[in-house]
Structure formats: C-alpha cells, structure tokens
Amino acid sequence: MELSFDLIYALIGFLIMLGMLGGIGINKPRGMSVKMWCVGYLVVAIGFDIIVLFGLLSQYAWLNNLLLGLSAGAATGLAIHVMHHISEENEGEGHSHNMMMGI
C-alpha cells in the first residue's frame, strides 16, 4: 500500500484528536476538576467545529483530510468512553467473566 499525503494528513489528525482527548482524560479527569474536564471537552468540540467550518469554506484538500482524521479520533475517543461505561454497568450487574474488550 502506498502512503499518500491524504492518508498521512488523516493519520496525523487522528493522532492529534486521540492525543488531546487522552491528555485531558477520556474516562476521568487527569489532574483537574470534573468541571474543568467538561470545559476542556467543550473547548475541543468548539475548536473542532470552527476548523470544520473553515475547512468547508476554504476547500483545502489537506485540511479536509486532516479533519477526517480528527473525526475518526473523536469517534474512537467516544467509543473508548462508552466502552468504559458498559464495563462499569456489567460490573454493577455482577458480570465477572471477561468478554471481548471488557464488555
């Protein structure tokens, strides 16, 4: 498989978003209050929205590929967060056996 710049920009976007979400804590705050954690997520979301608007209006191919990667990173971060909650629910219901990805 040949690596194109499109794929590279998408991968960079994915790593940036997953890194930002991991940095502030996907499941619980890292070194901050819950209120600041929520504000951090809001800032990331609003910043992403502004970049998407700029990307759609400017039609820069590299920026749109970066945005695809950012979207994938955000979706993966959300999936990890939801998976954590499902595993907590299973523990609360007395499920002690390990299933795929802790679900």
PDB file of N, CA and C in Angstrom:
ATOM      1  N   MET A   1       0.841  -1.177   0.000  1.00  0.00           N
ATOM      2  CA  MET A   1       0.000   0.000   0.000  1.00  0.00           C
ATOM      3  C   MET A   1       0.887   1.241   0.000  1.00  0.00           C
ATOM      4  N   GLU A   2       0.596   2.132  -0.888  1.00  0.00           N
ATOM      5  CA  GLU A   2       1.378   3.354  -0.998  1.00  0.00           C
ATOM      6  C   GLU A   2       0.773   4.429  -0.097  1.00  0.00           C
ATOM      7  N   LEU A   3       1.619   5.048   0.697  1.00  0.00           N
ATOM      8  CA  LEU A   3       1.146   6.117   1.576  1.00  0.00           C
ATOM      9  C   LEU A   3       1.040   7.413   0.788  1.00  0.00           C
ATOM     10  N   SER A   4      -0.146   7.956   0.729  1.00  0.00           N
ATOM     11  CA  SER A   4      -0.327   9.244   0.069  1.00  0.00           C
ATOM     12  C   SER A   4      -0.402  10.327   1.140  1.00  0.00           C
ATOM     13  N   PHE A   5      -0.288  11.567   0.695  1.00  0.00           N
ATOM     14  CA  PHE A   5      -0.387  12.668   1.646  1.00  0.00           C
ATOM     15  C   PHE A   5      -1.777  12.727   2.258  1.00  0.00           C
ATOM     16  N   ASP A   6      -2.804  12.305   1.512  1.00  0.00           N
ATOM     17  CA  ASP A   6      -4.165  12.283   2.054  1.00  0.00           C
ATOM     18  C   ASP A   6      -4.223  11.391   3.291  1.00  0.00           C
ATOM     19  N   LEU A   7      -3.674  10.205   3.175  1.00  0.00           N
ATOM     20  CA  LEU A   7      -3.684   9.257   4.287  1.00  0.00           C
ATOM     21  C   LEU A   7      -2.826   9.760   5.445  1.00  0.00           C
ATOM     22  N   ILE A   8      -1.705  10.363   5.126  1.00  0.00           N
ATOM     23  CA  ILE A   8      -0.813  10.888   6.164  1.00  0.00           C
ATOM     24  C   ILE A   8      -1.502  12.003   6.952  1.00  0.00           C
ATOM     25  N   TYR A   9      -2.175  12.935   6.259  1.00  0.00           N
ATOM     26  CA  TYR A   9      -2.890  14.008   6.951  1.00  0.00           C
ATOM     27  C   TYR A   9      -4.020  13.449   7.816  1.00  0.00           C
ATOM     28  N   ALA A  10      -4.736  12.442   7.302  1.00  0.00           N
ATOM     29  CA  ALA A  10      -5.811  11.827   8.082  1.00  0.00           C
ATOM     30  C   ALA A  10      -5.245  11.148   9.330  1.00  0.00           C
ATOM     31  N   LEU A  11      -4.122  10.452   9.190  1.00  0.00           N
ATOM     32  CA  LEU A  11      -3.491   9.792  10.334  1.00  0.00           C
ATOM     33  C   LEU A  11      -3.006  10.816  11.361  1.00  0.00           C
ATOM     34  N   ILE A  12      -2.443  11.913  10.892  1.00  0.00           N
ATOM     35  CA  ILE A  12      -1.995  12.972  11.801  1.00  0.00           C
ATOM     36  C   ILE A  12      -3.186  13.542  12.570  1.00  0.00           C
ATOM     37  N   GLY A  13      -4.300  13.784  11.882  1.00  0.00           N
ATOM     38  CA  GLY A  13      -5.498  14.293  12.537  1.00  0.00           C
ATOM     39  C   GLY A  13      -6.021  13.333  13.583  1.00  0.00           C
ATOM     40  N   PHE A  14      -6.023  12.038  13.247  1.00  0.00           N
ATOM     41  CA  PHE A  14      -6.476  11.014  14.181  1.00  0.00           C
ATOM     42  C   PHE A  14      -5.623  11.037  15.441  1.00  0.00           C
ATOM     43  N   LEU A  15      -4.309  11.066  15.267  1.00  0.00           N
ATOM     44  CA  LEU A  15      -3.399  11.056  16.413  1.00  0.00           C
ATOM     45  C   LEU A  15      -3.512  12.326  17.258  1.00  0.00           C
ATOM     46  N   ILE A  16      -3.726  13.464  16.600  1.00  0.00           N
ATOM     47  CA  ILE A  16      -3.889  14.724  17.330  1.00  0.00           C
ATOM     48  C   ILE A  16      -5.121  14.663  18.225  1.00  0.00           C
ATOM     49  N   MET A  17      -6.263  14.250  17.643  1.00  0.00           N
ATOM     50  CA  MET A  17      -7.504  14.243  18.426  1.00  0.00           C
ATOM     51  C   MET A  17      -7.447  13.207  19.535  1.00  0.00           C
ATOM     52  N   LEU A  18      -6.994  11.998  19.232  1.00  0.00           N
ATOM     53  CA  LEU A  18      -6.918  10.970  20.263  1.00  0.00           C
ATOM     54  C   LEU A  18      -5.938  11.387  21.360  1.00  0.00           C
ATOM     55  N   GLY A  19      -4.834  12.047  20.971  1.00  0.00           N
ATOM     56  CA  GLY A  19      -3.865  12.541  21.947  1.00  0.00           C
ATOM     57  C   GLY A  19      -4.441  13.632  22.841  1.00  0.00           C
ATOM     58  N   MET A  20      -5.216  14.554  22.242  1.00  0.00           N
ATOM     59  CA  MET A  20      -5.837  15.617  23.039  1.00  0.00           C
ATOM     60  C   MET A  20      -6.845  15.032  24.015  1.00  0.00           C
ATOM     61  N   LEU A  21      -7.687  14.115  23.539  1.00  0.00           N
ATOM     62  CA  LEU A  21      -8.687  13.519  24.421  1.00  0.00           C
ATOM     63  C   LEU A  21      -8.019  12.668  25.495  1.00  0.00           C
ATOM     64  N   GLY A  22      -6.990  11.942  25.128  1.00  0.00           N
ATOM     65  CA  GLY A  22      -6.253  11.156  26.112  1.00  0.00           C
ATOM     66  C   GLY A  22      -5.537  12.044  27.113  1.00  0.00           C
ATOM     67  N   GLY A  23      -5.082  13.202  26.654  1.00  0.00           N
ATOM     68  CA  GLY A  23      -4.379  14.132  27.534  1.00  0.00           C
ATOM     69  C   GLY A  23      -5.259  14.713  28.626  1.00  0.00           C
ATOM     70  N   ILE A  24      -6.509  15.017  28.285  1.00  0.00           N
ATOM     71  CA  ILE A  24      -7.411  15.550  29.313  1.00  0.00           C
ATOM     72  C   ILE A  24      -8.145  14.434  30.044  1.00  0.00           C
ATOM     73  N   GLY A  25      -8.051  13.219  29.518  1.00  0.00           N
ATOM     74  CA  GLY A  25      -8.673  12.065  30.161  1.00  0.00           C
ATOM     75  C   GLY A  25      -9.946  11.666  29.448  1.00  0.00           C
ATOM     76  N   ILE A  26      -9.962  10.487  28.883  1.00  0.00           N
ATOM     77  CA  ILE A  26     -11.144  10.037  28.154  1.00  0.00           C
ATOM     78  C   ILE A  26     -12.240   9.631  29.124  1.00  0.00           C
ATOM     79  N   ASN A  27     -11.897   8.935  30.205  1.00  0.00           N
ATOM     80  CA  ASN A  27     -12.906   8.430  31.135  1.00  0.00           C
ATOM     81  C   ASN A  27     -12.998   9.199  32.436  1.00  0.00           C
ATOM     82  N   LYS A  28     -11.915   9.796  32.850  1.00  0.00           N
ATOM     83  CA  LYS A  28     -11.941  10.623  34.059  1.00  0.00           C
ATOM     84  C   LYS A  28     -10.864  11.693  33.945  1.00  0.00           C
ATOM     85  N   PRO A  29     -11.068  12.808  34.640  1.00  0.00           N
ATOM     86  CA  PRO A  29     -10.140  13.929  34.515  1.00  0.00           C
ATOM     87  C   PRO A  29      -8.720  13.574  34.940  1.00  0.00           C
ATOM     88  N   ARG A  30      -7.765  14.144  34.227  1.00  0.00           N
ATOM     89  CA  ARG A  30      -6.350  13.983  34.584  1.00  0.00           C
ATOM     90  C   ARG A  30      -5.852  15.304  35.173  1.00  0.00           C
ATOM     91  N   GLY A  31      -5.728  15.329  36.488  1.00  0.00           N
ATOM     92  CA  GLY A  31      -5.152  16.493  37.157  1.00  0.00           C
ATOM     93  C   GLY A  31      -6.019  17.732  37.131  1.00  0.00           C
ATOM     94  N   MET A  32      -7.343  17.571  37.037  1.00  0.00           N
ATOM     95  CA  MET A  32      -8.243  18.727  37.038  1.00  0.00           C
ATOM     96  C   MET A  32      -9.588  18.314  37.615  1.00  0.00           C
ATOM     97  N   SER A  33     -10.393  19.301  37.937  1.00  0.00           N
ATOM     98  CA  SER A  33     -11.725  19.011  38.470  1.00  0.00           C
ATOM     99  C   SER A  33     -12.637  18.515  37.349  1.00  0.00           C
ATOM    100  N   VAL A  34     -13.748  17.928  37.725  1.00  0.00           N
ATOM    101  CA  VAL A  34     -14.710  17.455  36.735  1.00  0.00           C
ATOM    102  C   VAL A  34     -15.252  18.627  35.924  1.00  0.00           C
ATOM    103  N   LYS A  35     -15.456  19.763  36.589  1.00  0.00           N
ATOM    104  CA  LYS A  35     -15.957  20.951  35.887  1.00  0.00           C
ATOM    105  C   LYS A  35     -14.967  21.396  34.805  1.00  0.00           C
ATOM    106  N   MET A  36     -13.690  21.453  35.145  1.00  0.00           N
ATOM    107  CA  MET A  36     -12.679  21.853  34.160  1.00  0.00           C
ATOM    108  C   MET A  36     -12.540  20.810  33.059  1.00  0.00           C
ATOM    109  N   TRP A  37     -12.736  19.553  33.395  1.00  0.00           N
ATOM    110  CA  TRP A  37     -12.693  18.466  32.416  1.00  0.00           C
ATOM    111  C   TRP A  37     -13.793  18.664  31.382  1.00  0.00           C
ATOM    112  N   CYS A  38     -14.996  18.986  31.869  1.00  0.00           N
ATOM    113  CA  CYS A  38     -16.124  19.229  30.963  1.00  0.00           C
ATOM    114  C   CYS A  38     -15.868  20.454  30.089  1.00  0.00           C
ATOM    115  N   VAL A  39     -15.310  21.508  30.677  1.00  0.00           N
ATOM    116  CA  VAL A  39     -14.970  22.697  29.906  1.00  0.00           C
ATOM    117  C   VAL A  39     -13.916  22.358  28.850  1.00  0.00           C
ATOM    118  N   GLY A  40     -12.955  21.513  29.205  1.00  0.00           N
ATOM    119  CA  GLY A  40     -11.937  21.086  28.237  1.00  0.00           C
ATOM    120  C   GLY A  40     -12.547  20.379  27.047  1.00  0.00           C
ATOM    121  N   TYR A  41     -13.492  19.486  27.301  1.00  0.00           N
ATOM    122  CA  TYR A  41     -14.178  18.801  26.209  1.00  0.00           C
ATOM    123  C   TYR A  41     -14.959  19.788  25.352  1.00  0.00           C
ATOM    124  N   LEU A  42     -15.595  20.771  25.990  1.00  0.00           N
ATOM    125  CA  LEU A  42     -16.351  21.780  25.250  1.00  0.00           C
ATOM    126  C   LEU A  42     -15.429  22.608  24.362  1.00  0.00           C
ATOM    127  N   VAL A  43     -14.276  22.993  24.887  1.00  0.00           N
ATOM    128  CA  VAL A  43     -13.304  23.769  24.104  1.00  0.00           C
ATOM    129  C   VAL A  43     -12.816  22.960  22.905  1.00  0.00           C
ATOM    130  N   VAL A  44     -12.530  21.681  23.103  1.00  0.00           N
ATOM    131  CA  VAL A  44     -12.101  20.829  21.995  1.00  0.00           C
ATOM    132  C   VAL A  44     -13.196  20.755  20.932  1.00  0.00           C
ATOM    133  N   ALA A  45     -14.442  20.577  21.358  1.00  0.00           N
ATOM    134  CA  ALA A  45     -15.560  20.458  20.417  1.00  0.00           C
ATOM    135  C   ALA A  45     -15.777  21.756  19.636  1.00  0.00           C
ATOM    136  N   ILE A  46     -15.761  22.883  20.324  1.00  0.00           N
ATOM    137  CA  ILE A  46     -15.971  24.165  19.645  1.00  0.00           C
ATOM    138  C   ILE A  46     -14.807  24.474  18.706  1.00  0.00           C
ATOM    139  N   GLY A  47     -13.589  24.197  19.153  1.00  0.00           N
ATOM    140  CA  GLY A  47     -12.422  24.376  18.278  1.00  0.00           C
ATOM    141  C   GLY A  47     -12.520  23.526  17.030  1.00  0.00           C
ATOM    142  N   PHE A  48     -12.950  22.294  17.190  1.00  0.00           N
ATOM    143  CA  PHE A  48     -13.124  21.398  16.055  1.00  0.00           C
ATOM    144  C   PHE A  48     -14.198  21.942  15.106  1.00  0.00           C
ATOM    145  N   ASP A  49     -15.304  22.426  15.654  1.00  0.00           N
ATOM    146  CA  ASP A  49     -16.371  22.995  14.824  1.00  0.00           C
ATOM    147  C   ASP A  49     -15.879  24.177  13.996  1.00  0.00           C
ATOM    148  N   ILE A  50     -15.082  25.034  14.604  1.00  0.00           N
ATOM    149  CA  ILE A  50     -14.546  26.203  13.890  1.00  0.00           C
ATOM    150  C   ILE A  50     -13.626  25.750  12.761  1.00  0.00           C
ATOM    151  N   ILE A  51     -12.777  24.765  13.039  1.00  0.00           N
ATOM    152  CA  ILE A  51     -11.876  24.261  11.997  1.00  0.00           C
ATOM    153  C   ILE A  51     -12.666  23.613  10.861  1.00  0.00           C
ATOM    154  N   VAL A  52     -13.751  22.894  11.184  1.00  0.00           N
ATOM    155  CA  VAL A  52     -14.589  22.271  10.148  1.00  0.00           C
ATOM    156  C   VAL A  52     -15.210  23.348   9.259  1.00  0.00           C
ATOM    157  N   LEU A  53     -15.752  24.403   9.868  1.00  0.00           N
ATOM    158  CA  LEU A  53     -16.331  25.485   9.061  1.00  0.00           C
ATOM    159  C   LEU A  53     -15.291  26.100   8.135  1.00  0.00           C
ATOM    160  N   PHE A  54     -14.110  26.363   8.673  1.00  0.00           N
ATOM    161  CA  PHE A  54     -13.036  26.920   7.846  1.00  0.00           C
ATOM    162  C   PHE A  54     -12.661  25.958   6.720  1.00  0.00           C
ATOM    163  N   GLY A  55     -12.564  24.662   7.050  1.00  0.00           N
ATOM    164  CA  GLY A  55     -12.212  23.664   6.041  1.00  0.00           C
ATOM    165  C   GLY A  55     -13.242  23.554   4.941  1.00  0.00           C
ATOM    166  N   LEU A  56     -14.516  23.607   5.309  1.00  0.00           N
ATOM    167  CA  LEU A  56     -15.575  23.519   4.304  1.00  0.00           C
ATOM    168  C   LEU A  56     -15.610  24.756   3.413  1.00  0.00           C
ATOM    169  N   LEU A  57     -15.368  25.917   4.004  1.00  0.00           N
ATOM    170  CA  LEU A  57     -15.394  27.146   3.221  1.00  0.00           C
ATOM    171  C   LEU A  57     -14.147  27.323   2.359  1.00  0.00           C
ATOM    172  N   SER A  58     -13.004  26.894   2.859  1.00  0.00           N
ATOM    173  CA  SER A  58     -11.743  27.111   2.138  1.00  0.00           C
ATOM    174  C   SER A  58     -11.465  26.055   1.087  1.00  0.00           C
ATOM    175  N   GLN A  59     -12.006  24.853   1.271  1.00  0.00           N
ATOM    176  CA  GLN A  59     -11.825  23.738   0.340  1.00  0.00           C
ATOM    177  C   GLN A  59     -10.360  23.338   0.141  1.00  0.00           C
ATOM    178  N   TYR A  60      -9.554  23.455   1.196  1.00  0.00           N
ATOM    179  CA  TYR A  60      -8.186  22.943   1.155  1.00  0.00           C
ATOM    180  C   TYR A  60      -8.244  21.434   1.328  1.00  0.00           C
ATOM    181  N   ALA A  61      -7.720  20.693   0.368  1.00  0.00           N
ATOM    182  CA  ALA A  61      -7.783  19.227   0.418  1.00  0.00           C
ATOM    183  C   ALA A  61      -7.040  18.693   1.640  1.00  0.00           C
ATOM    184  N   TRP A  62      -5.863  19.249   1.941  1.00  0.00           N
ATOM    185  CA  TRP A  62      -5.087  18.750   3.077  1.00  0.00           C
ATOM    186  C   TRP A  62      -5.838  18.964   4.384  1.00  0.00           C
ATOM    187  N   LEU A  63      -6.552  20.112   4.496  1.00  0.00           N
ATOM    188  CA  LEU A  63      -7.285  20.395   5.722  1.00  0.00           C
ATOM    189  C   LEU A  63      -8.488  19.452   5.852  1.00  0.00           C
ATOM    190  N   ASN A  64      -9.159  19.184   4.748  1.00  0.00           N
ATOM    191  CA  ASN A  64     -10.289  18.261   4.798  1.00  0.00           C
ATOM    192  C   ASN A  64      -9.836  16.854   5.166  1.00  0.00           C
ATOM    193  N   ASN A  65      -8.676  16.429   4.689  1.00  0.00           N
ATOM    194  CA  ASN A  65      -8.141  15.122   5.079  1.00  0.00           C
ATOM    195  C   ASN A  65      -7.756  15.104   6.556  1.00  0.00           C
ATOM    196  N   LEU A  66      -7.193  16.193   7.041  1.00  0.00           N
ATOM    197  CA  LEU A  66      -6.869  16.309   8.463  1.00  0.00           C
ATOM    198  C   LEU A  66      -8.144  16.232   9.301  1.00  0.00           C
ATOM    199  N   LEU A  67      -9.210  16.883   8.824  1.00  0.00           N
ATOM    200  CA  LEU A  67     -10.491  16.861   9.533  1.00  0.00           C
ATOM    201  C   LEU A  67     -11.095  15.464   9.561  1.00  0.00           C
ATOM    202  N   LEU A  68     -10.909  14.698   8.493  1.00  0.00           N
ATOM    203  CA  LEU A  68     -11.371  13.306   8.505  1.00  0.00           C
ATOM    204  C   LEU A  68     -10.674  12.534   9.617  1.00  0.00           C
ATOM    205  N   GLY A  69      -9.388  12.739   9.750  1.00  0.00           N
ATOM    206  CA  GLY A  69      -8.645  12.073  10.818  1.00  0.00           C
ATOM    207  C   GLY A  69      -9.071  12.541  12.193  1.00  0.00           C
ATOM    208  N   LEU A  70      -9.312  13.856  12.345  1.00  0.00           N
ATOM    209  CA  LEU A  70      -9.788  14.378  13.625  1.00  0.00           C
ATOM    210  C   LEU A  70     -11.132  13.764  13.992  1.00  0.00           C
ATOM    211  N   SER A  71     -12.001  13.617  12.993  1.00  0.00           N
ATOM    212  CA  SER A  71     -13.311  12.996  13.236  1.00  0.00           C
ATOM    213  C   SER A  71     -13.157  11.549  13.693  1.00  0.00           C
ATOM    214  N   ALA A  72     -12.272  10.833  13.034  1.00  0.00           N
ATOM    215  CA  ALA A  72     -12.037   9.435  13.418  1.00  0.00           C
ATOM    216  C   ALA A  72     -11.480   9.352  14.834  1.00  0.00           C
ATOM    217  N   GLY A  73     -10.574  10.253  15.187  1.00  0.00           N
ATOM    218  CA  GLY A  73     -10.027  10.266  16.544  1.00  0.00           C
ATOM    219  C   GLY A  73     -11.087  10.583  17.579  1.00  0.00           C
ATOM    220  N   ALA A  74     -11.986  11.515  17.263  1.00  0.00           N
ATOM    221  CA  ALA A  74     -13.075  11.853  18.193  1.00  0.00           C
ATOM    222  C   ALA A  74     -14.023  10.674  18.358  1.00  0.00           C
ATOM    223  N   ALA A  75     -14.337  10.001  17.252  1.00  0.00           N
ATOM    224  CA  ALA A  75     -15.228   8.839  17.328  1.00  0.00           C
ATOM    225  C   ALA A  75     -14.590   7.717  18.138  1.00  0.00           C
ATOM    226  N   THR A  76     -13.298   7.503  17.963  1.00  0.00           N
ATOM    227  CA  THR A  76     -12.599   6.465  18.730  1.00  0.00           C
ATOM    228  C   THR A  76     -12.568   6.821  20.213  1.00  0.00           C
ATOM    229  N   GLY A  77     -12.320   8.085  20.528  1.00  0.00           N
ATOM    230  CA  GLY A  77     -12.348   8.521  21.923  1.00  0.00           C
ATOM    231  C   GLY A  77     -13.717   8.311  22.555  1.00  0.00           C
ATOM    232  N   LEU A  78     -14.775   8.617  21.807  1.00  0.00           N
ATOM    233  CA  LEU A  78     -16.129   8.392  22.310  1.00  0.00           C
ATOM    234  C   LEU A  78     -16.395   6.904  22.511  1.00  0.00           C
ATOM    235  N   ALA A  79     -15.938   6.081  21.580  1.00  0.00           N
ATOM    236  CA  ALA A  79     -16.131   4.629  21.701  1.00  0.00           C
ATOM    237  C   ALA A  79     -15.425   4.083  22.943  1.00  0.00           C
ATOM    238  N   ILE A  80     -14.224   4.561  23.218  1.00  0.00           N
ATOM    239  CA  ILE A  80     -13.497   4.120  24.415  1.00  0.00           C
ATOM    240  C   ILE A  80     -14.252   4.552  25.666  1.00  0.00           C
ATOM    241  N   HIS A  81     -14.780   5.769  25.653  1.00  0.00           N
ATOM    242  CA  HIS A  81     -15.532   6.284  26.798  1.00  0.00           C
ATOM    243  C   HIS A  81     -16.790   5.441  27.041  1.00  0.00           C
ATOM    244  N   VAL A  82     -17.528   5.147  25.984  1.00  0.00           N
ATOM    245  CA  VAL A  82     -18.751   4.351  26.111  1.00  0.00           C
ATOM    246  C   VAL A  82     -18.415   2.931  26.554  1.00  0.00           C
ATOM    247  N   MET A  83     -17.346   2.356  26.007  1.00  0.00           N
ATOM    248  CA  MET A  83     -16.933   1.010  26.395  1.00  0.00           C
ATOM    249  C   MET A  83     -16.634   0.957  27.894  1.00  0.00           C
ATOM    250  N   HIS A  84     -16.026   2.011  28.412  1.00  0.00           N
ATOM    251  CA  HIS A  84     -15.734   2.093  29.847  1.00  0.00           C
ATOM    252  C   HIS A  84     -17.033   2.057  30.659  1.00  0.00           C
ATOM    253  N   HIS A  85     -18.043   2.807  30.210  1.00  0.00           N
ATOM    254  CA  HIS A  85     -19.317   2.829  30.933  1.00  0.00           C
ATOM    255  C   HIS A  85     -20.036   1.487  30.854  1.00  0.00           C
ATOM    256  N   ILE A  86     -19.959   0.821  29.721  1.00  0.00           N
ATOM    257  CA  ILE A  86     -20.579  -0.502  29.587  1.00  0.00           C
ATOM    258  C   ILE A  86     -19.908  -1.483  30.537  1.00  0.00           C
ATOM    259  N   SER A  87     -18.595  -1.430  30.626  1.00  0.00           N
ATOM    260  CA  SER A  87     -17.889  -2.336  31.519  1.00  0.00           C
ATOM    261  C   SER A  87     -18.236  -2.038  32.981  1.00  0.00           C
ATOM    262  N   GLU A  88     -18.419  -0.748  33.337  1.00  0.00           N
ATOM    263  CA  GLU A  88     -18.857  -0.402  34.692  1.00  0.00           C
ATOM    264  C   GLU A  88     -20.255  -0.950  34.975  1.00  0.00           C
ATOM    265  N   GLU A  89     -21.144  -0.844  33.993  1.00  0.00           N
ATOM    266  CA  GLU A  89     -22.505  -1.374  34.158  1.00  0.00           C
ATOM    267  C   GLU A  89     -22.478  -2.889  34.345  1.00  0.00           C
ATOM    268  N   ASN A  90     -21.648  -3.575  33.578  1.00  0.00           N
ATOM    269  CA  ASN A  90     -21.541  -5.027  33.701  1.00  0.00           C
ATOM    270  C   ASN A  90     -21.024  -5.421  35.079  1.00  0.00           C
ATOM    271  N   GLU A  91     -20.052  -4.668  35.600  1.00  0.00           N
ATOM    272  CA  GLU A  91     -19.539  -4.954  36.945  1.00  0.00           C
ATOM    273  C   GLU A  91     -20.626  -4.752  37.989  1.00  0.00           C
ATOM    274  N   GLY A  92     -21.466  -3.728  37.797  1.00  0.00           N
ATOM    275  CA  GLY A  92     -22.551  -3.463  38.729  1.00  0.00           C
ATOM    276  C   GLY A  92     -23.627  -4.534  38.694  1.00  0.00           C
ATOM    277  N   GLU A  93     -23.754  -5.216  37.574  1.00  0.00           N
ATOM    278  CA  GLU A  93     -24.756  -6.276  37.436  1.00  0.00           C
ATOM    279  C   GLU A  93     -24.203  -7.639  37.825  1.00  0.00           C
ATOM    280  N   GLY A  94     -22.970  -7.666  38.274  1.00  0.00           N
ATOM    281  CA  GLY A  94     -22.377  -8.922  38.738  1.00  0.00           C
ATOM    282  C   GLY A  94     -21.748  -9.771  37.638  1.00  0.00           C
ATOM    283  N   HIS A  95     -21.510  -9.215  36.465  1.00  0.00           N
ATOM    284  CA  HIS A  95     -20.823  -9.953  35.413  1.00  0.00           C
ATOM    285  C   HIS A  95     -19.339  -9.998  35.737  1.00  0.00           C
ATOM    286  N   SER A  96     -18.849 -11.166  36.064  1.00  0.00           N
ATOM    287  CA  SER A  96     -17.445 -11.254  36.449  1.00  0.00           C
ATOM    288  C   SER A  96     -16.571 -11.812  35.331  1.00  0.00           C
ATOM    289  N   HIS A  97     -17.162 -12.438  34.326  1.00  0.00           N
ATOM    290  CA  HIS A  97     -16.351 -13.026  33.268  1.00  0.00           C
ATOM    291  C   HIS A  97     -15.914 -11.955  32.267  1.00  0.00           C
ATOM    292  N   ASN A  98     -14.716 -12.118  31.759  1.00  0.00           N
ATOM    293  CA  ASN A  98     -14.184 -11.162  30.802  1.00  0.00           C
ATOM    294  C   ASN A  98     -14.671 -11.488  29.412  1.00  0.00           C
ATOM    295  N   MET A  99     -15.208 -10.494  28.769  1.00  0.00           N
ATOM    296  CA  MET A  99     -15.654 -10.653  27.395  1.00  0.00           C
ATOM    297  C   MET A  99     -14.772  -9.778  26.511  1.00  0.00           C
ATOM    298  N   MET A 100     -15.028  -9.803  25.242  1.00  0.00           N
ATOM    299  CA  MET A 100     -14.217  -9.059  24.291  1.00  0.00           C
ATOM    300  C   MET A 100     -14.175  -7.571  24.666  1.00  0.00           C
ATOM    301  N   MET A 101     -12.999  -6.995  24.773  1.00  0.00           N
ATOM    302  CA  MET A 101     -12.733  -5.593  25.075  1.00  0.00           C
ATOM    303  C   MET A 101     -13.386  -5.159  26.373  1.00  0.00           C
ATOM    304  N   GLY A 102     -13.568  -6.071  27.330  1.00  0.00           N
ATOM    305  CA  GLY A 102     -14.098  -5.712  28.636  1.00  0.00           C
ATOM    306  C   GLY A 102     -15.581  -5.449  28.667  1.00  0.00           C
ATOM    307  N   ILE A 103     -16.266  -5.777  27.576  1.00  0.00           N
ATOM    308  CA  ILE A 103     -17.714  -5.519  27.509  1.00  0.00           C
ATOM    309  C   ILE A 103     -18.471  -6.746  27.941  1.00  0.00           C
TER     310      ILE A 103
END
